[in-house]
Amino acid sequence: MEQEVKVTIHRSEAENRTEEPPQQDSIPHQLEELGEILSDSLSSFRESDAYDWILESTEKTRQYIKKNPARSMLLSLGAGILFGLFIKKGR
């Protein structure tokens, strides 16, 4: 069972006078800007030729796997073994 507990921290009057008030608006504003930048970047990527190429390649890969399931499984197994060997040598 979870409960919310309110915590109040009291400061001395000298500390309260020397500090500037906290800026509560800056972080949400920065997150909003970041969201807009990411949204614009994703929109421009979706309009690019690279995105179309990725979609075509994905569909070709799906069709190949449907036509050749055993070969696809063996290729995946071989790639996994090679990748594992490279990682193991790196340690």
C-alpha atoms as a PDB file:
ATOM      1  CA  MET A   1       0.000   0.000   0.000  1.00  0.00           C
ATOM      2  CA  GLU A   2       1.491   3.316  -1.050  1.00  0.00           C
ATOM      3  CA  GLN A   3       0.920   6.610   0.694  1.00  0.00           C
ATOM      4  CA  GLU A   4       1.952  10.105  -0.178  1.00  0.00           C
ATOM      5  CA  VAL A   5       3.860  11.899   2.532  1.00  0.00           C
ATOM      6  CA  LYS A   6       4.240  15.671   2.458  1.00  0.00           C
ATOM      7  CA  VAL A   7       7.678  16.914   3.454  1.00  0.00           C
ATOM      8  CA  THR A   8       8.285  20.496   4.535  1.00  0.00           C
ATOM      9  CA  ILE A   9      11.813  21.798   4.856  1.00  0.00           C
ATOM     10  CA  HIS A  10      12.286  24.920   6.952  1.00  0.00           C
ATOM     11  CA  ARG A  11      15.190  27.265   6.389  1.00  0.00           C
ATOM     12  CA  SER A  12      16.556  30.035   8.482  1.00  0.00           C
ATOM     13  CA  GLU A  13      15.502  33.573   7.604  1.00  0.00           C
ATOM     14  CA  ALA A  14      19.052  34.462   6.502  1.00  0.00           C
ATOM     15  CA  GLU A  15      19.077  31.668   3.914  1.00  0.00           C
ATOM     16  CA  ASN A  16      15.683  32.702   2.578  1.00  0.00           C
ATOM     17  CA  ARG A  17      16.786  36.317   2.077  1.00  0.00           C
ATOM     18  CA  THR A  18      20.002  35.546   0.134  1.00  0.00           C
ATOM     19  CA  GLU A  19      18.592  32.996  -2.290  1.00  0.00           C
ATOM     20  CA  GLU A  20      16.723  33.900  -5.438  1.00  0.00           C
ATOM     21  CA  PRO A  21      13.259  32.422  -5.820  1.00  0.00           C
ATOM     22  CA  PRO A  22      13.323  29.077  -7.674  1.00  0.00           C
ATOM     23  CA  GLN A  23      12.390  29.173 -11.336  1.00  0.00           C
ATOM     24  CA  GLN A  24       9.612  26.651 -11.625  1.00  0.00           C
ATOM     25  CA  ASP A  25       8.787  27.493 -15.232  1.00  0.00           C
ATOM     26  CA  SER A  26      12.195  26.765 -16.780  1.00  0.00           C
ATOM     27  CA  ILE A  27      12.131  22.939 -16.809  1.00  0.00           C
ATOM     28  CA  PRO A  28       8.627  22.527 -18.305  1.00  0.00           C
ATOM     29  CA  HIS A  29       9.502  25.170 -20.880  1.00  0.00           C
ATOM     30  CA  GLN A  30      12.727  23.337 -21.794  1.00  0.00           C
ATOM     31  CA  LEU A  31      10.844  20.036 -22.066  1.00  0.00           C
ATOM     32  CA  GLU A  32       8.271  21.675 -24.305  1.00  0.00           C
ATOM     33  CA  GLU A  33      11.027  23.004 -26.584  1.00  0.00           C
ATOM     34  CA  LEU A  34      12.696  19.594 -26.653  1.00  0.00           C
ATOM     35  CA  GLY A  35       9.393  17.965 -27.593  1.00  0.00           C
ATOM     36  CA  GLU A  36       8.893  20.409 -30.449  1.00  0.00           C
ATOM     37  CA  ILE A  37      12.430  19.805 -31.741  1.00  0.00           C
ATOM     38  CA  LEU A  38      11.966  16.023 -31.629  1.00  0.00           C
ATOM     39  CA  SER A  39       8.581  16.270 -33.301  1.00  0.00           C
ATOM     40  CA  ASP A  40       9.986  18.415 -36.114  1.00  0.00           C
ATOM     41  CA  SER A  41      12.937  16.052 -36.565  1.00  0.00           C
ATOM     42  CA  LEU A  42      10.663  13.005 -36.766  1.00  0.00           C
ATOM     43  CA  SER A  43       8.376  14.742 -39.259  1.00  0.00           C
ATOM     44  CA  SER A  44      11.272  15.676 -41.516  1.00  0.00           C
ATOM     45  CA  PHE A  45      12.688  12.130 -41.266  1.00  0.00           C
ATOM     46  CA  ARG A  46       9.350  10.616 -42.280  1.00  0.00           C
ATOM     47  CA  GLU A  47       9.352  12.812 -45.387  1.00  0.00           C
ATOM     48  CA  SER A  48      12.878  11.759 -46.385  1.00  0.00           C
ATOM     49  CA  ASP A  49      13.957   9.106 -48.884  1.00  0.00           C
ATOM     50  CA  ALA A  50      15.763   7.211 -46.115  1.00  0.00           C
ATOM     51  CA  TYR A  51      12.462   6.533 -44.345  1.00  0.00           C
ATOM     52  CA  ASP A  52      10.928   5.168 -47.548  1.00  0.00           C
ATOM     53  CA  TRP A  53      14.000   2.977 -48.092  1.00  0.00           C
ATOM     54  CA  ILE A  54      13.723   1.596 -44.547  1.00  0.00           C
ATOM     55  CA  LEU A  55      10.037   0.751 -45.064  1.00  0.00           C
ATOM     56  CA  GLU A  56      10.787  -1.008 -48.373  1.00  0.00           C
ATOM     57  CA  SER A  57      13.692  -2.944 -46.855  1.00  0.00           C
ATOM     58  CA  THR A  58      11.545  -4.012 -43.918  1.00  0.00           C
ATOM     59  CA  GLU A  59       8.847  -5.334 -46.225  1.00  0.00           C
ATOM     60  CA  LYS A  60      11.402  -7.197 -48.373  1.00  0.00           C
ATOM     61  CA  THR A  61      12.891  -8.758 -45.245  1.00  0.00           C
ATOM     62  CA  ARG A  62       9.472  -9.893 -44.032  1.00  0.00           C
ATOM     63  CA  GLN A  63       8.713 -11.479 -47.401  1.00  0.00           C
ATOM     64  CA  TYR A  64      12.100 -13.267 -47.461  1.00  0.00           C
ATOM     65  CA  ILE A  65      11.531 -14.664 -43.961  1.00  0.00           C
ATOM     66  CA  LYS A  66       8.057 -15.903 -44.921  1.00  0.00           C
ATOM     67  CA  LYS A  67       9.413 -17.633 -48.049  1.00  0.00           C
ATOM     68  CA  ASN A  68      12.570 -19.052 -46.394  1.00  0.00           C
ATOM     69  CA  PRO A  69      11.975 -19.602 -42.672  1.00  0.00           C
ATOM     70  CA  ALA A  70      14.666 -22.297 -42.177  1.00  0.00           C
ATOM     71  CA  ARG A  71      17.366 -20.339 -43.984  1.00  0.00           C
ATOM     72  CA  SER A  72      16.402 -17.181 -42.082  1.00  0.00           C
ATOM     73  CA  MET A  73      16.689 -19.040 -38.776  1.00  0.00           C
ATOM     74  CA  LEU A  74      20.140 -20.406 -39.666  1.00  0.00           C
ATOM     75  CA  LEU A  75      21.350 -16.969 -40.801  1.00  0.00           C
ATOM     76  CA  SER A  76      20.114 -15.440 -37.551  1.00  0.00           C
ATOM     77  CA  LEU A  77      21.811 -18.150 -35.524  1.00  0.00           C
ATOM     78  CA  GLY A  78      25.093 -17.670 -37.384  1.00  0.00           C
ATOM     79  CA  ALA A  79      24.958 -13.898 -36.987  1.00  0.00           C
ATOM     80  CA  GLY A  80      24.259 -14.292 -33.274  1.00  0.00           C
ATOM     81  CA  ILE A  81      27.220 -16.638 -32.827  1.00  0.00           C
ATOM     82  CA  LEU A  82      29.568 -14.273 -34.681  1.00  0.00           C
ATOM     83  CA  PHE A  83      28.324 -11.307 -32.701  1.00  0.00           C
ATOM     84  CA  GLY A  84      28.788 -13.229 -29.466  1.00  0.00           C
ATOM     85  CA  LEU A  85      32.352 -14.146 -30.418  1.00  0.00           C
ATOM     86  CA  PHE A  86      33.219 -10.536 -31.208  1.00  0.00           C
ATOM     87  CA  ILE A  87      31.843  -9.368 -27.873  1.00  0.00           C
ATOM     88  CA  LYS A  88      33.663 -12.128 -26.004  1.00  0.00           C
ATOM     89  CA  LYS A  89      37.009 -11.202 -27.639  1.00  0.00           C
ATOM     90  CA  GLY A  90      36.475  -7.559 -26.674  1.00  0.00           C
ATOM     91  CA  ARG A  91      36.503  -8.426 -22.963  1.00  0.00           C
END
